[in-house]
Amino acid sequence: MRSKEIDQAMATSERLEKLQQMLAREPNDTFLLYGIAMEHKKLNDAAAAVEFLDRVTRLDPGYCYAYHQKGLVHESQGDTDAARAAYREGIQAAIRKGDDHARGEIEAALSMIE
């Protein structure tokens, strides 16, 4: 790894550690769970990213962007079927929530793989 990549990985790891410490105090905080998922995504830890995104949507089924990110993670792993399913769930969540902006973004992501 180049020096810049090492610095970025260390910063991501430090952020992840801080988020996990905060999560220990607030285990059902969807914002923290989402943040941890995004840090795992940056570290290319797809399984952990999906695990935390699933925790977000179990606690808050209307957290539309968690479905979107889950779809992106599945896409990055080459699992387009799982990505499609995540995007479709996100679209339904956005419809239930009345979030047209999220719905449009997730529909656009879905259309890229259909």
N, C-alpha and C. Protein backbone atom coordinates (compact mmCIF):
# COMPACT_ATOMS: atom_id res chain seq x y z
N MET A 1 0.83 -1.18 0.00
CA MET A 1 0.00 0.00 0.00
C MET A 1 0.88 1.24 0.00
N ARG A 2 0.41 2.24 -0.69
CA ARG A 2 1.12 3.51 -0.66
C ARG A 2 0.83 4.24 0.64
N SER A 3 1.63 5.21 0.95
CA SER A 3 1.51 5.95 2.21
C SER A 3 0.13 6.58 2.38
N LYS A 4 -0.40 7.17 1.32
CA LYS A 4 -1.72 7.81 1.40
C LYS A 4 -2.80 6.77 1.71
N GLU A 5 -2.72 5.61 1.07
CA GLU A 5 -3.70 4.54 1.31
C GLU A 5 -3.60 4.03 2.75
N ILE A 6 -2.39 3.92 3.26
CA ILE A 6 -2.19 3.48 4.63
C ILE A 6 -2.79 4.50 5.59
N ASP A 7 -2.54 5.78 5.34
CA ASP A 7 -3.10 6.84 6.19
C ASP A 7 -4.63 6.81 6.18
N GLN A 8 -5.21 6.60 5.01
CA GLN A 8 -6.67 6.55 4.91
C GLN A 8 -7.22 5.34 5.65
N ALA A 9 -6.57 4.20 5.52
CA ALA A 9 -7.02 2.98 6.20
C ALA A 9 -6.93 3.16 7.71
N MET A 10 -5.87 3.80 8.18
CA MET A 10 -5.72 4.03 9.62
C MET A 10 -6.79 4.99 10.13
N ALA A 11 -7.08 6.04 9.36
CA ALA A 11 -8.11 6.99 9.77
C ALA A 11 -9.47 6.31 9.82
N THR A 12 -9.75 5.46 8.83
CA THR A 12 -11.02 4.73 8.81
C THR A 12 -11.10 3.81 10.02
N SER A 13 -10.00 3.13 10.31
CA SER A 13 -9.97 2.22 11.45
C SER A 13 -10.19 2.98 12.77
N GLU A 14 -9.60 4.16 12.89
CA GLU A 14 -9.77 4.97 14.10
C GLU A 14 -11.23 5.44 14.22
N ARG A 15 -11.84 5.87 13.12
CA ARG A 15 -13.24 6.28 13.14
C ARG A 15 -14.12 5.11 13.54
N LEU A 16 -13.83 3.95 12.98
CA LEU A 16 -14.61 2.75 13.30
C LEU A 16 -14.52 2.44 14.79
N GLU A 17 -13.33 2.52 15.35
CA GLU A 17 -13.16 2.24 16.77
C GLU A 17 -13.97 3.23 17.62
N LYS A 18 -13.93 4.51 17.27
CA LYS A 18 -14.69 5.51 18.02
C LYS A 18 -16.19 5.28 17.91
N LEU A 19 -16.65 4.95 16.71
CA LEU A 19 -18.07 4.67 16.52
C LEU A 19 -18.50 3.45 17.34
N GLN A 20 -17.66 2.44 17.37
CA GLN A 20 -17.99 1.23 18.14
C GLN A 20 -18.05 1.53 19.63
N GLN A 21 -17.18 2.40 20.11
CA GLN A 21 -17.23 2.80 21.52
C GLN A 21 -18.54 3.52 21.83
N MET A 22 -18.97 4.40 20.93
CA MET A 22 -20.23 5.10 21.14
C MET A 22 -21.40 4.13 21.06
N LEU A 23 -21.31 3.16 20.15
CA LEU A 23 -22.38 2.17 19.99
C LEU A 23 -22.53 1.32 21.26
N ALA A 24 -21.43 1.08 21.95
CA ALA A 24 -21.50 0.31 23.19
C ALA A 24 -22.41 1.00 24.21
N ARG A 25 -22.45 2.33 24.14
CA ARG A 25 -23.32 3.09 25.06
C ARG A 25 -24.74 3.22 24.52
N GLU A 26 -24.90 3.20 23.20
CA GLU A 26 -26.22 3.36 22.56
C GLU A 26 -26.39 2.27 21.49
N PRO A 27 -26.63 1.02 21.89
CA PRO A 27 -26.60 -0.11 20.93
C PRO A 27 -27.69 -0.08 19.85
N ASN A 28 -28.71 0.72 20.03
CA ASN A 28 -29.78 0.78 19.02
C ASN A 28 -29.82 2.09 18.27
N ASP A 29 -28.70 2.79 18.25
CA ASP A 29 -28.62 4.08 17.54
C ASP A 29 -28.39 3.81 16.05
N THR A 30 -29.41 4.05 15.26
CA THR A 30 -29.31 3.73 13.83
C THR A 30 -28.27 4.58 13.12
N PHE A 31 -28.08 5.82 13.56
CA PHE A 31 -27.06 6.68 12.94
C PHE A 31 -25.68 6.07 13.15
N LEU A 32 -25.40 5.60 14.37
CA LEU A 32 -24.11 4.97 14.65
C LEU A 32 -23.96 3.66 13.87
N LEU A 33 -25.01 2.87 13.85
CA LEU A 33 -24.96 1.61 13.09
C LEU A 33 -24.68 1.85 11.62
N TYR A 34 -25.34 2.86 11.06
CA TYR A 34 -25.14 3.20 9.65
C TYR A 34 -23.69 3.67 9.44
N GLY A 35 -23.20 4.50 10.35
CA GLY A 35 -21.82 4.97 10.24
C GLY A 35 -20.81 3.84 10.29
N ILE A 36 -21.05 2.88 11.17
CA ILE A 36 -20.17 1.72 11.27
C ILE A 36 -20.23 0.90 9.98
N ALA A 37 -21.41 0.75 9.44
CA ALA A 37 -21.56 0.03 8.17
C ALA A 37 -20.74 0.71 7.07
N MET A 38 -20.79 2.04 7.03
CA MET A 38 -20.06 2.77 6.00
C MET A 38 -18.54 2.63 6.18
N GLU A 39 -18.10 2.59 7.42
CA GLU A 39 -16.67 2.38 7.67
C GLU A 39 -16.24 0.99 7.22
N HIS A 40 -17.07 -0.01 7.48
CA HIS A 40 -16.76 -1.37 7.01
C HIS A 40 -16.75 -1.41 5.48
N LYS A 41 -17.67 -0.67 4.87
CA LYS A 41 -17.70 -0.61 3.41
C LYS A 41 -16.39 -0.04 2.87
N LYS A 42 -15.91 1.03 3.50
CA LYS A 42 -14.63 1.64 3.08
C LYS A 42 -13.48 0.67 3.22
N LEU A 43 -13.56 -0.21 4.22
CA LEU A 43 -12.50 -1.20 4.45
C LEU A 43 -12.69 -2.45 3.59
N ASN A 44 -13.69 -2.43 2.72
CA ASN A 44 -14.02 -3.56 1.85
C ASN A 44 -14.40 -4.81 2.64
N ASP A 45 -15.02 -4.59 3.79
CA ASP A 45 -15.53 -5.70 4.60
C ASP A 45 -17.03 -5.78 4.35
N ALA A 46 -17.39 -6.39 3.23
CA ALA A 46 -18.78 -6.43 2.77
C ALA A 46 -19.69 -7.12 3.77
N ALA A 47 -19.26 -8.23 4.32
CA ALA A 47 -20.12 -8.99 5.24
C ALA A 47 -20.48 -8.15 6.47
N ALA A 48 -19.50 -7.47 7.04
CA ALA A 48 -19.77 -6.63 8.21
C ALA A 48 -20.65 -5.44 7.82
N ALA A 49 -20.40 -4.86 6.66
CA ALA A 49 -21.21 -3.72 6.21
C ALA A 49 -22.67 -4.13 6.09
N VAL A 50 -22.92 -5.27 5.45
CA VAL A 50 -24.30 -5.75 5.29
C VAL A 50 -24.91 -6.07 6.64
N GLU A 51 -24.14 -6.67 7.53
CA GLU A 51 -24.65 -7.00 8.87
C GLU A 51 -25.14 -5.73 9.58
N PHE A 52 -24.35 -4.67 9.54
CA PHE A 52 -24.75 -3.44 10.23
C PHE A 52 -25.89 -2.74 9.50
N LEU A 53 -25.92 -2.80 8.18
CA LEU A 53 -27.05 -2.21 7.44
C LEU A 53 -28.34 -2.96 7.76
N ASP A 54 -28.25 -4.27 7.90
CA ASP A 54 -29.43 -5.05 8.29
C ASP A 54 -29.91 -4.67 9.68
N ARG A 55 -28.97 -4.41 10.58
CA ARG A 55 -29.37 -3.97 11.93
C ARG A 55 -30.11 -2.62 11.85
N VAL A 56 -29.63 -1.74 10.98
CA VAL A 56 -30.29 -0.44 10.82
C VAL A 56 -31.73 -0.64 10.39
N THR A 57 -31.94 -1.45 9.35
CA THR A 57 -33.29 -1.59 8.80
C THR A 57 -34.21 -2.40 9.70
N ARG A 58 -33.64 -3.27 10.53
CA ARG A 58 -34.48 -3.96 11.52
C ARG A 58 -35.01 -2.97 12.55
N LEU A 59 -34.16 -2.03 12.96
CA LEU A 59 -34.56 -1.03 13.95
C LEU A 59 -35.42 0.07 13.34
N ASP A 60 -35.12 0.42 12.08
CA ASP A 60 -35.85 1.50 11.40
C ASP A 60 -36.10 1.09 9.95
N PRO A 61 -37.20 0.40 9.68
CA PRO A 61 -37.49 -0.05 8.32
C PRO A 61 -37.62 1.09 7.30
N GLY A 62 -37.73 2.31 7.77
CA GLY A 62 -37.84 3.46 6.87
C GLY A 62 -36.51 4.13 6.56
N TYR A 63 -35.41 3.56 7.00
CA TYR A 63 -34.08 4.13 6.78
C TYR A 63 -33.64 3.77 5.35
N CYS A 64 -34.19 4.50 4.39
CA CYS A 64 -34.08 4.16 2.97
C CYS A 64 -32.64 3.99 2.47
N TYR A 65 -31.76 4.87 2.92
CA TYR A 65 -30.41 4.82 2.39
C TYR A 65 -29.62 3.61 2.88
N ALA A 66 -30.08 2.97 3.94
CA ALA A 66 -29.43 1.73 4.36
C ALA A 66 -29.65 0.65 3.30
N TYR A 67 -30.85 0.61 2.73
CA TYR A 67 -31.12 -0.36 1.66
C TYR A 67 -30.28 -0.02 0.43
N HIS A 68 -30.17 1.27 0.13
CA HIS A 68 -29.39 1.72 -1.02
C HIS A 68 -27.93 1.28 -0.85
N GLN A 69 -27.37 1.55 0.32
CA GLN A 69 -25.98 1.17 0.56
C GLN A 69 -25.80 -0.34 0.54
N LYS A 70 -26.78 -1.05 1.06
CA LYS A 70 -26.72 -2.52 1.04
C LYS A 70 -26.68 -3.01 -0.41
N GLY A 71 -27.48 -2.41 -1.26
CA GLY A 71 -27.46 -2.76 -2.67
C GLY A 71 -26.09 -2.49 -3.29
N LEU A 72 -25.50 -1.35 -2.96
CA LEU A 72 -24.18 -1.01 -3.50
C LEU A 72 -23.12 -2.01 -3.02
N VAL A 73 -23.20 -2.41 -1.77
CA VAL A 73 -22.25 -3.39 -1.24
C VAL A 73 -22.40 -4.71 -2.00
N HIS A 74 -23.63 -5.16 -2.18
CA HIS A 74 -23.85 -6.40 -2.92
C HIS A 74 -23.34 -6.28 -4.36
N GLU A 75 -23.58 -5.14 -4.97
CA GLU A 75 -23.06 -4.93 -6.33
C GLU A 75 -21.55 -5.04 -6.35
N SER A 76 -20.89 -4.44 -5.36
CA SER A 76 -19.42 -4.46 -5.33
C SER A 76 -18.89 -5.88 -5.20
N GLN A 77 -19.71 -6.78 -4.69
CA GLN A 77 -19.32 -8.18 -4.54
C GLN A 77 -19.77 -9.03 -5.72
N GLY A 78 -20.43 -8.40 -6.69
CA GLY A 78 -20.88 -9.12 -7.87
C GLY A 78 -22.19 -9.85 -7.69
N ASP A 79 -22.90 -9.59 -6.60
CA ASP A 79 -24.16 -10.27 -6.31
C ASP A 79 -25.33 -9.36 -6.73
N THR A 80 -25.61 -9.36 -8.03
CA THR A 80 -26.65 -8.45 -8.53
C THR A 80 -28.05 -8.86 -8.08
N ASP A 81 -28.28 -10.14 -7.84
CA ASP A 81 -29.60 -10.55 -7.34
C ASP A 81 -29.87 -9.95 -5.96
N ALA A 82 -28.87 -10.04 -5.07
CA ALA A 82 -29.03 -9.47 -3.73
C ALA A 82 -29.12 -7.95 -3.81
N ALA A 83 -28.38 -7.35 -4.73
CA ALA A 83 -28.44 -5.89 -4.90
C ALA A 83 -29.84 -5.48 -5.34
N ARG A 84 -30.39 -6.19 -6.31
CA ARG A 84 -31.74 -5.88 -6.78
C ARG A 84 -32.75 -5.97 -5.63
N ALA A 85 -32.63 -7.03 -4.84
CA ALA A 85 -33.55 -7.22 -3.72
C ALA A 85 -33.43 -6.06 -2.73
N ALA A 86 -32.21 -5.67 -2.42
CA ALA A 86 -32.01 -4.55 -1.47
C ALA A 86 -32.59 -3.26 -2.04
N TYR A 87 -32.35 -3.01 -3.32
CA TYR A 87 -32.89 -1.79 -3.93
C TYR A 87 -34.41 -1.81 -3.92
N ARG A 88 -34.99 -2.94 -4.24
CA ARG A 88 -36.46 -3.03 -4.25
C ARG A 88 -37.04 -2.81 -2.84
N GLU A 89 -36.38 -3.37 -1.84
CA GLU A 89 -36.82 -3.12 -0.46
C GLU A 89 -36.71 -1.64 -0.13
N GLY A 90 -35.64 -1.02 -0.58
CA GLY A 90 -35.44 0.41 -0.33
C GLY A 90 -36.49 1.27 -1.01
N ILE A 91 -36.86 0.90 -2.22
CA ILE A 91 -37.90 1.63 -2.94
C ILE A 91 -39.22 1.53 -2.18
N GLN A 92 -39.54 0.33 -1.70
CA GLN A 92 -40.78 0.15 -0.94
C GLN A 92 -40.74 0.95 0.37
N ALA A 93 -39.57 0.97 1.02
CA ALA A 93 -39.42 1.74 2.25
C ALA A 93 -39.61 3.23 1.97
N ALA A 94 -39.05 3.70 0.86
CA ALA A 94 -39.18 5.12 0.49
C ALA A 94 -40.63 5.47 0.18
N ILE A 95 -41.33 4.55 -0.48
CA ILE A 95 -42.76 4.78 -0.78
C ILE A 95 -43.54 4.88 0.52
N ARG A 96 -43.32 3.93 1.43
CA ARG A 96 -44.03 3.96 2.72
C ARG A 96 -43.74 5.24 3.50
N LYS A 97 -42.50 5.69 3.40
CA LYS A 97 -42.08 6.88 4.14
C LYS A 97 -42.48 8.17 3.42
N GLY A 98 -42.79 8.07 2.13
CA GLY A 98 -43.12 9.26 1.36
C GLY A 98 -41.88 10.06 0.96
N ASP A 99 -40.74 9.38 0.84
CA ASP A 99 -39.48 10.04 0.51
C ASP A 99 -39.20 9.86 -0.98
N ASP A 100 -39.71 10.81 -1.77
CA ASP A 100 -39.57 10.72 -3.23
C ASP A 100 -38.11 10.85 -3.68
N HIS A 101 -37.34 11.64 -2.97
CA HIS A 101 -35.93 11.80 -3.34
C HIS A 101 -35.18 10.48 -3.20
N ALA A 102 -35.33 9.84 -2.05
CA ALA A 102 -34.67 8.54 -1.83
C ALA A 102 -35.17 7.53 -2.85
N ARG A 103 -36.48 7.54 -3.07
CA ARG A 103 -37.05 6.60 -4.03
C ARG A 103 -36.40 6.77 -5.40
N GLY A 104 -36.26 8.01 -5.85
CA GLY A 104 -35.65 8.27 -7.15
C GLY A 104 -34.21 7.81 -7.23
N GLU A 105 -33.45 8.05 -6.17
CA GLU A 105 -32.05 7.63 -6.17
C GLU A 105 -31.92 6.11 -6.20
N ILE A 106 -32.76 5.44 -5.43
CA ILE A 106 -32.67 3.98 -5.37
C ILE A 106 -33.18 3.38 -6.68
N GLU A 107 -34.23 3.96 -7.25
CA GLU A 107 -34.72 3.48 -8.55
C GLU A 107 -33.63 3.64 -9.62
N ALA A 108 -32.89 4.75 -9.55
CA ALA A 108 -31.80 4.96 -10.52
C ALA A 108 -30.72 3.89 -10.36
N ALA A 109 -30.39 3.55 -9.11
CA ALA A 109 -29.39 2.50 -8.87
C ALA A 109 -29.89 1.16 -9.41
N LEU A 110 -31.16 0.87 -9.16
CA LEU A 110 -31.74 -0.38 -9.65
C LEU A 110 -31.72 -0.43 -11.17
N SER A 111 -32.05 0.67 -11.81
CA SER A 111 -32.12 0.69 -13.27
C SER A 111 -30.74 0.45 -13.90
N MET A 112 -29.69 0.74 -13.17
CA MET A 112 -28.34 0.52 -13.70
C MET A 112 -27.98 -0.96 -13.81
N ILE A 113 -28.69 -1.82 -13.06
CA ILE A 113 -28.35 -3.24 -13.10
C ILE A 113 -29.46 -4.09 -13.71
N GLU A 114 -30.52 -3.46 -14.15
CA GLU A 114 -31.59 -4.23 -14.80
C GLU A 114 -31.51 -4.14 -16.30
